[in-house]
Amino acid sequence: ISFDSRGYMVIPNPGIRSTRLYFKNSKGDRTELKLYGVNGGLSRHLFTESAFFDLDLTGLNGGVYIFSILQNGNSAVNGKILVE
């Protein structure tokens, strides 16, 4: 997967029922994802040791969501996901 300067890729974006968020994790570090709605509330909190998250978007209202990816407790990537 080729990443641009943001360091992540979301396919599909916007998502309807689910989406996959790819990021760099060549060492298989424990990685945490926090997904926030526009009101600042935590919508999803996931962990993985792979280089992607499969996000279940069911139950989320349409709109923009902000995510933060942390590797070993340090912020690695921040970005946005659109939900239809």
PDB file of N, CA and C in Angstrom:
ATOM      1  N   ILE A   1       0.854  -1.181   0.000  1.00  0.00           N
ATOM      2  CA  ILE A   1       0.000   0.000   0.000  1.00  0.00           C
ATOM      3  C   ILE A   1       0.887   1.226   0.000  1.00  0.00           C
ATOM      4  N   SER A   2       0.535   2.171  -0.834  1.00  0.00           N
ATOM      5  CA  SER A   2       1.284   3.419  -0.934  1.00  0.00           C
ATOM      6  C   SER A   2       0.590   4.501  -0.105  1.00  0.00           C
ATOM      7  N   PHE A   3       1.336   5.080   0.827  1.00  0.00           N
ATOM      8  CA  PHE A   3       0.798   6.138   1.679  1.00  0.00           C
ATOM      9  C   PHE A   3       1.265   7.491   1.180  1.00  0.00           C
ATOM     10  N   ASP A   4       0.398   8.487   1.310  1.00  0.00           N
ATOM     11  CA  ASP A   4       0.827   9.840   0.994  1.00  0.00           C
ATOM     12  C   ASP A   4       1.430  10.455   2.254  1.00  0.00           C
ATOM     13  N   SER A   5       1.602  11.750   2.290  1.00  0.00           N
ATOM     14  CA  SER A   5       2.242  12.426   3.419  1.00  0.00           C
ATOM     15  C   SER A   5       1.450  12.289   4.714  1.00  0.00           C
ATOM     16  N   ARG A   6       0.171  11.910   4.627  1.00  0.00           N
ATOM     17  CA  ARG A   6      -0.643  11.768   5.835  1.00  0.00           C
ATOM     18  C   ARG A   6      -0.270  10.520   6.624  1.00  0.00           C
ATOM     19  N   GLY A   7       0.269   9.518   5.968  1.00  0.00           N
ATOM     20  CA  GLY A   7       0.674   8.297   6.647  1.00  0.00           C
ATOM     21  C   GLY A   7      -0.434   7.285   6.859  1.00  0.00           C
ATOM     22  N   TYR A   8      -1.566   7.466   6.177  1.00  0.00           N
ATOM     23  CA  TYR A   8      -2.670   6.517   6.288  1.00  0.00           C
ATOM     24  C   TYR A   8      -3.490   6.524   5.012  1.00  0.00           C
ATOM     25  N   MET A   9      -4.350   5.503   4.875  1.00  0.00           N
ATOM     26  CA  MET A   9      -5.279   5.424   3.754  1.00  0.00           C
ATOM     27  C   MET A   9      -6.572   4.794   4.270  1.00  0.00           C
ATOM     28  N   VAL A  10      -7.713   5.359   3.884  1.00  0.00           N
ATOM     29  CA  VAL A  10      -9.019   4.843   4.277  1.00  0.00           C
ATOM     30  C   VAL A  10      -9.759   4.401   3.019  1.00  0.00           C
ATOM     31  N   ILE A  11     -10.191   3.129   2.994  1.00  0.00           N
ATOM     32  CA  ILE A  11     -10.890   2.589   1.827  1.00  0.00           C
ATOM     33  C   ILE A  11     -12.120   1.821   2.300  1.00  0.00           C
ATOM     34  N   PRO A  12     -13.314   2.117   1.864  1.00  0.00           N
ATOM     35  CA  PRO A  12     -13.701   3.322   1.116  1.00  0.00           C
ATOM     36  C   PRO A  12     -13.867   4.510   2.062  1.00  0.00           C
ATOM     37  N   ASN A  13     -13.776   5.673   1.517  1.00  0.00           N
ATOM     38  CA  ASN A  13     -13.974   6.907   2.272  1.00  0.00           C
ATOM     39  C   ASN A  13     -14.687   7.887   1.359  1.00  0.00           C
ATOM     40  N   PRO A  14     -15.965   8.132   1.531  1.00  0.00           N
ATOM     41  CA  PRO A  14     -16.761   7.820   2.726  1.00  0.00           C
ATOM     42  C   PRO A  14     -17.170   6.355   2.797  1.00  0.00           C
ATOM     43  N   GLY A  15     -17.400   5.913   4.036  1.00  0.00           N
ATOM     44  CA  GLY A  15     -17.857   4.556   4.291  1.00  0.00           C
ATOM     45  C   GLY A  15     -19.337   4.546   4.629  1.00  0.00           C
ATOM     46  N   ILE A  16     -19.982   3.422   4.380  1.00  0.00           N
ATOM     47  CA  ILE A  16     -21.406   3.290   4.693  1.00  0.00           C
ATOM     48  C   ILE A  16     -21.584   2.328   5.869  1.00  0.00           C
ATOM     49  N   ARG A  17     -21.230   1.061   5.694  1.00  0.00           N
ATOM     50  CA  ARG A  17     -21.366   0.074   6.775  1.00  0.00           C
ATOM     51  C   ARG A  17     -20.034  -0.248   7.431  1.00  0.00           C
ATOM     52  N   SER A  18     -18.967  -0.181   6.633  1.00  0.00           N
ATOM     53  CA  SER A  18     -17.637  -0.488   7.161  1.00  0.00           C
ATOM     54  C   SER A  18     -16.590   0.187   6.289  1.00  0.00           C
ATOM     55  N   THR A  19     -15.403   0.295   6.830  1.00  0.00           N
ATOM     56  CA  THR A  19     -14.275   0.835   6.084  1.00  0.00           C
ATOM     57  C   THR A  19     -13.006   0.243   6.677  1.00  0.00           C
ATOM     58  N   ARG A  20     -11.928   0.283   5.923  1.00  0.00           N
ATOM     59  CA  ARG A  20     -10.640  -0.214   6.412  1.00  0.00           C
ATOM     60  C   ARG A  20      -9.655   0.949   6.427  1.00  0.00           C
ATOM     61  N   LEU A  21      -8.980   1.097   7.544  1.00  0.00           N
ATOM     62  CA  LEU A  21      -8.001   2.163   7.753  1.00  0.00           C
ATOM     63  C   LEU A  21      -6.615   1.530   7.801  1.00  0.00           C
ATOM     64  N   TYR A  22      -5.788   1.831   6.782  1.00  0.00           N
ATOM     65  CA  TYR A  22      -4.425   1.316   6.693  1.00  0.00           C
ATOM     66  C   TYR A  22      -3.451   2.351   7.237  1.00  0.00           C
ATOM     67  N   PHE A  23      -2.373   1.880   7.859  1.00  0.00           N
ATOM     68  CA  PHE A  23      -1.338   2.760   8.399  1.00  0.00           C
ATOM     69  C   PHE A  23      -0.029   1.971   8.451  1.00  0.00           C
ATOM     70  N   LYS A  24       1.057   2.652   8.713  1.00  0.00           N
ATOM     71  CA  LYS A  24       2.370   2.005   8.766  1.00  0.00           C
ATOM     72  C   LYS A  24       2.551   1.310  10.113  1.00  0.00           C
ATOM     73  N   ASN A  25       2.899   0.020  10.049  1.00  0.00           N
ATOM     74  CA  ASN A  25       3.163  -0.749  11.260  1.00  0.00           C
ATOM     75  C   ASN A  25       4.013  -1.964  10.905  1.00  0.00           C
ATOM     76  N   SER A  26       5.187  -1.723  10.343  1.00  0.00           N
ATOM     77  CA  SER A  26       6.039  -2.807   9.855  1.00  0.00           C
ATOM     78  C   SER A  26       6.580  -3.689  10.978  1.00  0.00           C
ATOM     79  N   LYS A  27       6.640  -3.181  12.206  1.00  0.00           N
ATOM     80  CA  LYS A  27       7.165  -3.961  13.331  1.00  0.00           C
ATOM     81  C   LYS A  27       6.079  -4.720  14.083  1.00  0.00           C
ATOM     82  N   GLY A  28       4.830  -4.538  13.694  1.00  0.00           N
ATOM     83  CA  GLY A  28       3.740  -5.217  14.382  1.00  0.00           C
ATOM     84  C   GLY A  28       3.503  -4.711  15.790  1.00  0.00           C
ATOM     85  N   ASP A  29       3.742  -3.413  15.994  1.00  0.00           N
ATOM     86  CA  ASP A  29       3.527  -2.805  17.312  1.00  0.00           C
ATOM     87  C   ASP A  29       2.054  -2.821  17.692  1.00  0.00           C
ATOM     88  N   ARG A  30       1.788  -2.904  18.976  1.00  0.00           N
ATOM     89  CA  ARG A  30       0.411  -2.779  19.470  1.00  0.00           C
ATOM     90  C   ARG A  30      -0.048  -1.360  19.166  1.00  0.00           C
ATOM     91  N   THR A  31      -1.142  -1.268  18.435  1.00  0.00           N
ATOM     92  CA  THR A  31      -1.627   0.020  17.937  1.00  0.00           C
ATOM     93  C   THR A  31      -3.062   0.229  18.388  1.00  0.00           C
ATOM     94  N   GLU A  32      -3.347   1.455  18.770  1.00  0.00           N
ATOM     95  CA  GLU A  32      -4.649   1.832  19.314  1.00  0.00           C
ATOM     96  C   GLU A  32      -5.305   2.856  18.391  1.00  0.00           C
ATOM     97  N   LEU A  33      -6.594   2.704  18.172  1.00  0.00           N
ATOM     98  CA  LEU A  33      -7.367   3.661  17.380  1.00  0.00           C
ATOM     99  C   LEU A  33      -8.473   4.232  18.254  1.00  0.00           C
ATOM    100  N   LYS A  34      -8.570   5.548  18.256  1.00  0.00           N
ATOM    101  CA  LYS A  34      -9.684   6.233  18.908  1.00  0.00           C
ATOM    102  C   LYS A  34     -10.403   7.038  17.837  1.00  0.00           C
ATOM    103  N   LEU A  35     -11.706   6.817  17.706  1.00  0.00           N
ATOM    104  CA  LEU A  35     -12.533   7.496  16.714  1.00  0.00           C
ATOM    105  C   LEU A  35     -13.531   8.378  17.452  1.00  0.00           C
ATOM    106  N   TYR A  36     -13.508   9.674  17.128  1.00  0.00           N
ATOM    107  CA  TYR A  36     -14.342  10.657  17.812  1.00  0.00           C
ATOM    108  C   TYR A  36     -15.352  11.272  16.852  1.00  0.00           C
ATOM    109  N   GLY A  37     -16.571  11.494  17.344  1.00  0.00           N
ATOM    110  CA  GLY A  37     -17.574  12.238  16.593  1.00  0.00           C
ATOM    111  C   GLY A  37     -17.292  13.725  16.682  1.00  0.00           C
ATOM    112  N   VAL A  38     -18.022  14.522  15.907  1.00  0.00           N
ATOM    113  CA  VAL A  38     -17.790  15.970  15.886  1.00  0.00           C
ATOM    114  C   VAL A  38     -18.071  16.621  17.236  1.00  0.00           C
ATOM    115  N   ASN A  39     -18.864  15.967  18.078  1.00  0.00           N
ATOM    116  CA  ASN A  39     -19.143  16.514  19.403  1.00  0.00           C
ATOM    117  C   ASN A  39     -18.031  16.204  20.398  1.00  0.00           C
ATOM    118  N   GLY A  40     -17.017  15.454  19.960  1.00  0.00           N
ATOM    119  CA  GLY A  40     -15.883  15.121  20.814  1.00  0.00           C
ATOM    120  C   GLY A  40     -16.035  13.819  21.568  1.00  0.00           C
ATOM    121  N   GLY A  41     -17.198  13.174  21.448  1.00  0.00           N
ATOM    122  CA  GLY A  41     -17.416  11.903  22.141  1.00  0.00           C
ATOM    123  C   GLY A  41     -16.702  10.748  21.460  1.00  0.00           C
ATOM    124  N   LEU A  42     -16.200   9.825  22.246  1.00  0.00           N
ATOM    125  CA  LEU A  42     -15.511   8.649  21.720  1.00  0.00           C
ATOM    126  C   LEU A  42     -16.531   7.684  21.121  1.00  0.00           C
ATOM    127  N   SER A  43     -16.396   7.395  19.823  1.00  0.00           N
ATOM    128  CA  SER A  43     -17.334   6.515  19.114  1.00  0.00           C
ATOM    129  C   SER A  43     -16.823   5.084  18.987  1.00  0.00           C
ATOM    130  N   ARG A  44     -15.522   4.913  18.840  1.00  0.00           N
ATOM    131  CA  ARG A  44     -14.908   3.592  18.718  1.00  0.00           C
ATOM    132  C   ARG A  44     -13.540   3.639  19.392  1.00  0.00           C
ATOM    133  N   HIS A  45     -13.145   2.500  19.990  1.00  0.00           N
ATOM    134  CA  HIS A  45     -11.826   2.364  20.604  1.00  0.00           C
ATOM    135  C   HIS A  45     -11.360   0.944  20.313  1.00  0.00           C
ATOM    136  N   LEU A  46     -10.347   0.805  19.455  1.00  0.00           N
ATOM    137  CA  LEU A  46      -9.909  -0.500  18.968  1.00  0.00           C
ATOM    138  C   LEU A  46      -8.408  -0.678  19.146  1.00  0.00           C
ATOM    139  N   PHE A  47      -7.972  -1.949  19.134  1.00  0.00           N
ATOM    140  CA  PHE A  47      -6.554  -2.285  19.214  1.00  0.00           C
ATOM    141  C   PHE A  47      -6.223  -3.308  18.135  1.00  0.00           C
ATOM    142  N   THR A  48      -4.977  -3.267  17.638  1.00  0.00           N
ATOM    143  CA  THR A  48      -4.500  -4.254  16.670  1.00  0.00           C
ATOM    144  C   THR A  48      -2.983  -4.318  16.731  1.00  0.00           C
ATOM    145  N   GLU A  49      -2.422  -5.381  16.162  1.00  0.00           N
ATOM    146  CA  GLU A  49      -0.981  -5.480  15.961  1.00  0.00           C
ATOM    147  C   GLU A  49      -0.668  -5.600  14.471  1.00  0.00           C
ATOM    148  N   SER A  50      -1.686  -5.434  13.636  1.00  0.00           N
ATOM    149  CA  SER A  50      -1.494  -5.468  12.186  1.00  0.00           C
ATOM    150  C   SER A  50      -1.354  -4.033  11.675  1.00  0.00           C
ATOM    151  N   ALA A  51      -1.434  -3.857  10.370  1.00  0.00           N
ATOM    152  CA  ALA A  51      -1.254  -2.536   9.760  1.00  0.00           C
ATOM    153  C   ALA A  51      -2.570  -1.967   9.246  1.00  0.00           C
ATOM    154  N   PHE A  52      -3.684  -2.413   9.836  1.00  0.00           N
ATOM    155  CA  PHE A  52      -4.979  -1.861   9.445  1.00  0.00           C
ATOM    156  C   PHE A  52      -5.997  -2.093  10.554  1.00  0.00           C
ATOM    157  N   PHE A  53      -7.042  -1.306  10.508  1.00  0.00           N
ATOM    158  CA  PHE A  53      -8.220  -1.491  11.349  1.00  0.00           C
ATOM    159  C   PHE A  53      -9.415  -1.686  10.433  1.00  0.00           C
ATOM    160  N   ASP A  54     -10.246  -2.682  10.715  1.00  0.00           N
ATOM    161  CA  ASP A  54     -11.544  -2.814  10.065  1.00  0.00           C
ATOM    162  C   ASP A  54     -12.555  -2.126  10.967  1.00  0.00           C
ATOM    163  N   LEU A  55     -13.167  -1.072  10.462  1.00  0.00           N
ATOM    164  CA  LEU A  55     -14.102  -0.281  11.258  1.00  0.00           C
ATOM    165  C   LEU A  55     -15.539  -0.617  10.906  1.00  0.00           C
ATOM    166  N   ASP A  56     -16.294  -1.042  11.885  1.00  0.00           N
ATOM    167  CA  ASP A  56     -17.733  -1.246  11.741  1.00  0.00           C
ATOM    168  C   ASP A  56     -18.393   0.110  11.963  1.00  0.00           C
ATOM    169  N   LEU A  57     -19.030   0.636  10.940  1.00  0.00           N
ATOM    170  CA  LEU A  57     -19.631   1.969  11.006  1.00  0.00           C
ATOM    171  C   LEU A  57     -21.118   1.928  11.327  1.00  0.00           C
ATOM    172  N   THR A  58     -21.679   0.726  11.479  1.00  0.00           N
ATOM    173  CA  THR A  58     -23.108   0.646  11.769  1.00  0.00           C
ATOM    174  C   THR A  58     -23.394   1.319  13.107  1.00  0.00           C
ATOM    175  N   GLY A  59     -24.494   2.025  13.145  1.00  0.00           N
ATOM    176  CA  GLY A  59     -24.885   2.741  14.352  1.00  0.00           C
ATOM    177  C   GLY A  59     -24.317   4.140  14.467  1.00  0.00           C
ATOM    178  N   LEU A  60     -23.402   4.504  13.565  1.00  0.00           N
ATOM    179  CA  LEU A  60     -22.846   5.858  13.579  1.00  0.00           C
ATOM    180  C   LEU A  60     -23.678   6.759  12.678  1.00  0.00           C
ATOM    181  N   ASN A  61     -23.927   7.964  13.120  1.00  0.00           N
ATOM    182  CA  ASN A  61     -24.612   8.951  12.284  1.00  0.00           C
ATOM    183  C   ASN A  61     -23.688   9.397  11.166  1.00  0.00           C
ATOM    184  N   GLY A  62     -24.261   9.792  10.040  1.00  0.00           N
ATOM    185  CA  GLY A  62     -23.464  10.308   8.936  1.00  0.00           C
ATOM    186  C   GLY A  62     -22.732  11.574   9.348  1.00  0.00           C
ATOM    187  N   GLY A  63     -21.544  11.765   8.798  1.00  0.00           N
ATOM    188  CA  GLY A  63     -20.775  12.966   9.089  1.00  0.00           C
ATOM    189  C   GLY A  63     -19.291  12.685   9.135  1.00  0.00           C
ATOM    190  N   VAL A  64     -18.555  13.646   9.650  1.00  0.00           N
ATOM    191  CA  VAL A  64     -17.101  13.568   9.741  1.00  0.00           C
ATOM    192  C   VAL A  64     -16.715  13.054  11.126  1.00  0.00           C
ATOM    193  N   TYR A  65     -15.791  12.116  11.155  1.00  0.00           N
ATOM    194  CA  TYR A  65     -15.253  11.580  12.400  1.00  0.00           C
ATOM    195  C   TYR A  65     -13.742  11.782  12.393  1.00  0.00           C
ATOM    196  N   ILE A  66     -13.205  12.124  13.536  1.00  0.00           N
ATOM    197  CA  ILE A  66     -11.772  12.352  13.696  1.00  0.00           C
ATOM    198  C   ILE A  66     -11.173  11.115  14.356  1.00  0.00           C
ATOM    199  N   PHE A  67     -10.030  10.654  13.837  1.00  0.00           N
ATOM    200  CA  PHE A  67      -9.384   9.511  14.477  1.00  0.00           C
ATOM    201  C   PHE A  67      -7.966   9.850  14.894  1.00  0.00           C
ATOM    202  N   SER A  68      -7.516   9.121  15.879  1.00  0.00           N
ATOM    203  CA  SER A  68      -6.150   9.213  16.366  1.00  0.00           C
ATOM    204  C   SER A  68      -5.609   7.800  16.487  1.00  0.00           C
ATOM    205  N   ILE A  69      -4.444   7.567  15.902  1.00  0.00           N
ATOM    206  CA  ILE A  69      -3.773   6.277  16.000  1.00  0.00           C
ATOM    207  C   ILE A  69      -2.551   6.463  16.888  1.00  0.00           C
ATOM    208  N   LEU A  70      -2.449   5.605  17.892  1.00  0.00           N
ATOM    209  CA  LEU A  70      -1.321   5.649  18.815  1.00  0.00           C
ATOM    210  C   LEU A  70      -0.565   4.330  18.744  1.00  0.00           C
ATOM    211  N   GLN A  71       0.763   4.426  18.629  1.00  0.00           N
ATOM    212  CA  GLN A  71       1.604   3.237  18.640  1.00  0.00           C
ATOM    213  C   GLN A  71       2.525   3.336  19.843  1.00  0.00           C
ATOM    214  N   ASN A  72       2.501   2.299  20.673  1.00  0.00           N
ATOM    215  CA  ASN A  72       3.274   2.279  21.915  1.00  0.00           C
ATOM    216  C   ASN A  72       2.986   3.501  22.777  1.00  0.00           C
ATOM    217  N   GLY A  73       1.730   3.943  22.772  1.00  0.00           N
ATOM    218  CA  GLY A  73       1.309   5.066  23.603  1.00  0.00           C
ATOM    219  C   GLY A  73       1.593   6.436  23.030  1.00  0.00           C
ATOM    220  N   ASN A  74       2.250   6.503  21.882  1.00  0.00           N
ATOM    221  CA  ASN A  74       2.589   7.788  21.261  1.00  0.00           C
ATOM    222  C   ASN A  74       1.725   8.032  20.038  1.00  0.00           C
ATOM    223  N   SER A  75       1.306   9.275  19.855  1.00  0.00           N
ATOM    224  CA  SER A  75       0.488   9.632  18.696  1.00  0.00           C
ATOM    225  C   SER A  75       1.281   9.411  17.418  1.00  0.00           C
ATOM    226  N   ALA A  76       0.717   8.625  16.497  1.00  0.00           N
ATOM    227  CA  ALA A  76       1.390   8.321  15.238  1.00  0.00           C
ATOM    228  C   ALA A  76       0.721   9.016  14.063  1.00  0.00           C
ATOM    229  N   VAL A  77      -0.607   8.962  14.010  1.00  0.00           N
ATOM    230  CA  VAL A  77      -1.351   9.506  12.875  1.00  0.00           C
ATOM    231  C   VAL A  77      -2.684  10.049  13.371  1.00  0.00           C
ATOM    232  N   ASN A  78      -3.096  11.168  12.800  1.00  0.00           N
ATOM    233  CA  ASN A  78      -4.425  11.726  13.041  1.00  0.00           C
ATOM    234  C   ASN A  78      -5.065  11.998  11.693  1.00  0.00           C
ATOM    235  N   GLY A  79      -6.381  11.841  11.609  1.00  0.00           N
ATOM    236  CA  GLY A  79      -7.048  12.097  10.343  1.00  0.00           C
ATOM    237  C   GLY A  79      -8.556  12.098  10.480  1.00  0.00           C
ATOM    238  N   LYS A  80      -9.227  12.041   9.321  1.00  0.00           N
ATOM    239  CA  LYS A  80     -10.685  12.112   9.267  1.00  0.00           C
ATOM    240  C   LYS A  80     -11.249  10.963   8.444  1.00  0.00           C
ATOM    241  N   ILE A  81     -12.423  10.512   8.853  1.00  0.00           N
ATOM    242  CA  ILE A  81     -13.187   9.513   8.116  1.00  0.00           C
ATOM    243  C   ILE A  81     -14.584  10.073   7.903  1.00  0.00           C
ATOM    244  N   LEU A  82     -15.109   9.900   6.698  1.00  0.00           N
ATOM    245  CA  LEU A  82     -16.476  10.321   6.404  1.00  0.00           C
ATOM    246  C   LEU A  82     -17.400   9.116   6.464  1.00  0.00           C
ATOM    247  N   VAL A  83     -18.524   9.279   7.148  1.00  0.00           N
ATOM    248  CA  VAL A  83     -19.528   8.222   7.248  1.00  0.00           C
ATOM    249  C   VAL A  83     -20.783   8.711   6.555  1.00  0.00           C
ATOM    250  N   GLU A  84     -21.330   7.888   5.655  1.00  0.00           N
ATOM    251  CA  GLU A  84     -22.574   8.252   4.961  1.00  0.00           C
ATOM    252  C   GLU A  84     -23.767   7.691   5.696  1.00  0.00           C
TER     253      GLU A  84
END
